[in-house]
C-alpha atoms as a PDB file:
ATOM      1  CA  MET A   1      -3.835 -10.299   2.328  1.00  0.00           C
ATOM      2  CA  THR A   2      -1.407  -8.876   4.996  1.00  0.00           C
ATOM      3  CA  SER A   3      -2.766  -6.284   7.462  1.00  0.00           C
ATOM      4  CA  PHE A   4      -1.046  -4.588  10.608  1.00  0.00           C
ATOM      5  CA  LEU A   5      -0.937  -1.627  12.583  1.00  0.00           C
ATOM      6  CA  ILE A   6       2.111   0.345  13.297  1.00  0.00           C
ATOM      7  CA  ARG A   7       2.116   2.436  16.346  1.00  0.00           C
ATOM      8  CA  MET A   8       4.782   5.219  16.985  1.00  0.00           C
ATOM      9  CA  LYS A   9       5.380   7.608  19.791  1.00  0.00           C
ATOM     10  CA  PHE A  10       7.137  11.132  18.790  1.00  0.00           C
ATOM     11  CA  SER A  11       7.903  14.233  20.811  1.00  0.00           C
ATOM     12  CA  PRO A  12       5.440  17.098  20.706  1.00  0.00           C
ATOM     13  CA  ASP A  13       8.355  19.242  19.263  1.00  0.00           C
ATOM     14  CA  ASP A  14       8.324  17.064  15.968  1.00  0.00           C
ATOM     15  CA  ARG A  15       4.588  17.284  15.159  1.00  0.00           C
ATOM     16  CA  ALA A  16       4.825  19.311  12.057  1.00  0.00           C
ATOM     17  CA  GLU A  17       7.916  17.342  10.684  1.00  0.00           C
ATOM     18  CA  ILE A  18       6.131  14.063  11.343  1.00  0.00           C
ATOM     19  CA  ALA A  19       2.899  15.187   9.648  1.00  0.00           C
ATOM     20  CA  ASP A  20       4.923  16.229   6.574  1.00  0.00           C
ATOM     21  CA  LEU A  21       6.879  12.963   6.347  1.00  0.00           C
ATOM     22  CA  LEU A  22       3.651  10.812   7.013  1.00  0.00           C
ATOM     23  CA  MET A  23       1.901  12.901   4.134  1.00  0.00           C
ATOM     24  CA  LYS A  24       4.810  12.212   1.792  1.00  0.00           C
ATOM     25  CA  LEU A  25       5.166   8.478   2.785  1.00  0.00           C
ATOM     26  CA  ALA A  26       1.477   7.741   2.530  1.00  0.00           C
ATOM     27  CA  GLU A  27       1.235   9.523  -0.941  1.00  0.00           C
ATOM     28  CA  ALA A  28       4.076   7.413  -2.378  1.00  0.00           C
ATOM     29  CA  SER A  29       3.087   4.110  -0.709  1.00  0.00           C
ATOM     30  CA  ARG A  30      -0.475   4.348  -1.988  1.00  0.00           C
ATOM     31  CA  GLN A  31       1.110   4.194  -5.543  1.00  0.00           C
ATOM     32  CA  GLU A  32       2.748   0.892  -4.838  1.00  0.00           C
ATOM     33  CA  PRO A  33       0.879  -1.831  -7.030  1.00  0.00           C
ATOM     34  CA  GLY A  34       0.808  -4.268  -3.976  1.00  0.00           C
ATOM     35  CA  CYS A  35      -0.444  -1.628  -1.507  1.00  0.00           C
ATOM     36  CA  VAL A  36      -4.370  -2.011  -0.696  1.00  0.00           C
ATOM     37  CA  SER A  37      -4.595   0.572   2.147  1.00  0.00           C
ATOM     38  CA  TYR A  38      -1.996   2.816   3.746  1.00  0.00           C
ATOM     39  CA  ILE A  39      -3.816   5.327   6.276  1.00  0.00           C
ATOM     40  CA  PRO A  40      -1.809   7.235   9.035  1.00  0.00           C
ATOM     41  CA  HIS A  41      -3.706   8.415  11.939  1.00  0.00           C
ATOM     42  CA  ARG A  42      -3.014  10.534  14.985  1.00  0.00           C
ATOM     43  CA  SER A  43      -4.382   9.194  18.073  1.00  0.00           C
ATOM     44  CA  GLU A  44      -7.353  11.230  19.289  1.00  0.00           C
ATOM     45  CA  GLY A  45      -6.435  11.286  22.995  1.00  0.00           C
ATOM     46  CA  ASP A  46      -2.728  11.625  22.244  1.00  0.00           C
ATOM     47  CA  PRO A  47      -1.664  13.659  19.334  1.00  0.00           C
ATOM     48  CA  ASP A  48       1.938  12.373  19.742  1.00  0.00           C
ATOM     49  CA  THR A  49       1.135   8.883  18.950  1.00  0.00           C
ATOM     50  CA  VAL A  50       0.674   7.839  15.330  1.00  0.00           C
ATOM     51  CA  VAL A  51      -0.960   4.774  14.173  1.00  0.00           C
ATOM     52  CA  ILE A  52      -0.679   3.547  10.556  1.00  0.00           C
ATOM     53  CA  TYR A  53      -3.093   0.985   9.315  1.00  0.00           C
ATOM     54  CA  GLU A  54      -1.320  -0.774   6.309  1.00  0.00           C
ATOM     55  CA  GLN A  55      -2.688  -3.515   4.145  1.00  0.00           C
ATOM     56  CA  TYR A  56      -0.715  -5.246   1.276  1.00  0.00           C
ATOM     57  CA  ARG A  57      -1.765  -7.881  -1.415  1.00  0.00           C
ATOM     58  CA  ASP A  58       0.716 -10.377   0.060  1.00  0.00           C
ATOM     59  CA  ALA A  59       3.986 -10.722   1.938  1.00  0.00           C
ATOM     60  CA  ALA A  60       5.944  -9.954  -1.292  1.00  0.00           C
ATOM     61  CA  ALA A  61       4.102  -6.664  -1.689  1.00  0.00           C
ATOM     62  CA  GLU A  62       4.824  -5.760   1.969  1.00  0.00           C
ATOM     63  CA  GLU A  63       8.627  -6.569   1.365  1.00  0.00           C
ATOM     64  CA  ALA A  64       8.587  -4.318  -1.771  1.00  0.00           C
ATOM     65  CA  HIS A  65       7.210  -1.647   0.264  1.00  0.00           C
ATOM     66  CA  ARG A  66      10.136  -1.890   2.892  1.00  0.00           C
ATOM     67  CA  LYS A  67      12.584  -1.980   0.176  1.00  0.00           C
ATOM     68  CA  SER A  68      11.200   1.008  -1.721  1.00  0.00           C
ATOM     69  CA  ALA A  69      13.116   4.389  -1.973  1.00  0.00           C
ATOM     70  CA  HIS A  70      10.282   6.335  -0.457  1.00  0.00           C
ATOM     71  CA  PHE A  71      10.254   3.883   2.579  1.00  0.00           C
ATOM     72  CA  LYS A  72      13.985   4.416   3.148  1.00  0.00           C
ATOM     73  CA  ARG A  73      13.642   8.183   2.775  1.00  0.00           C
ATOM     74  CA  TYR A  74      10.680   8.994   4.660  1.00  0.00           C
ATOM     75  CA  ALA A  75      10.213   6.051   7.227  1.00  0.00           C
ATOM     76  CA  VAL A  76      13.874   4.960   7.842  1.00  0.00           C
ATOM     77  CA  GLY A  77      15.692   8.263   7.280  1.00  0.00           C
ATOM     78  CA  GLY A  78      12.948  10.355   8.890  1.00  0.00           C
ATOM     79  CA  LEU A  79      10.285   8.804  11.082  1.00  0.00           C
ATOM     80  CA  TYR A  80      12.503   6.253  12.353  1.00  0.00           C
ATOM     81  CA  GLN A  81      15.042   8.864  13.477  1.00  0.00           C
ATOM     82  CA  LYS A  82      12.409  10.747  15.546  1.00  0.00           C
ATOM     83  CA  MET A  83      10.450   8.067  17.071  1.00  0.00           C
ATOM     84  CA  LEU A  84      10.619   7.517  20.862  1.00  0.00           C
ATOM     85  CA  GLU A  85       8.621   4.125  20.529  1.00  0.00           C
ATOM     86  CA  ARG A  86       7.429   1.629  17.980  1.00  0.00           C
ATOM     87  CA  SER A  87       5.373  -1.358  17.847  1.00  0.00           C
ATOM     88  CA  ARG A  88       3.462  -3.696  15.316  1.00  0.00           C
ATOM     89  CA  GLU A  89       0.394  -5.424  15.603  1.00  0.00           C
ATOM     90  CA  ASP A  90      -0.390  -8.103  12.935  1.00  0.00           C
ATOM     91  CA  LEU A  91      -4.070  -8.536  12.068  1.00  0.00           C
ATOM     92  CA  ASP A  92      -6.096 -11.373  10.743  1.00  0.00           C
ATOM     93  CA  ALA A  93      -9.188 -10.457   8.803  1.00  0.00           C
ATOM     94  CA  LEU A  94     -12.540 -11.986   9.840  1.00  0.00           C
ATOM     95  CA  VAL A  95     -14.351 -11.708   6.522  1.00  0.00           C
END
């Protein structure tokens, strides 16, 4: 199992567009056979910070996600063009 958090910071002017892109990306990503969980969050104390919890069956499923048409369209062509900052935190499940 591969689990991680993606944290991205956006301009307040882009909130509506970011929410739309995330909705479309999450909907398509959840249909991937190797996707276990894909949950975008808005930070409670900072509405311009988005945190996405992602979990995939294995590294191959994660790679398939990054190569998917919807990832290229909504993440690379949308979110990545608007983000001000981005970080990734890999997670190890305890149980």
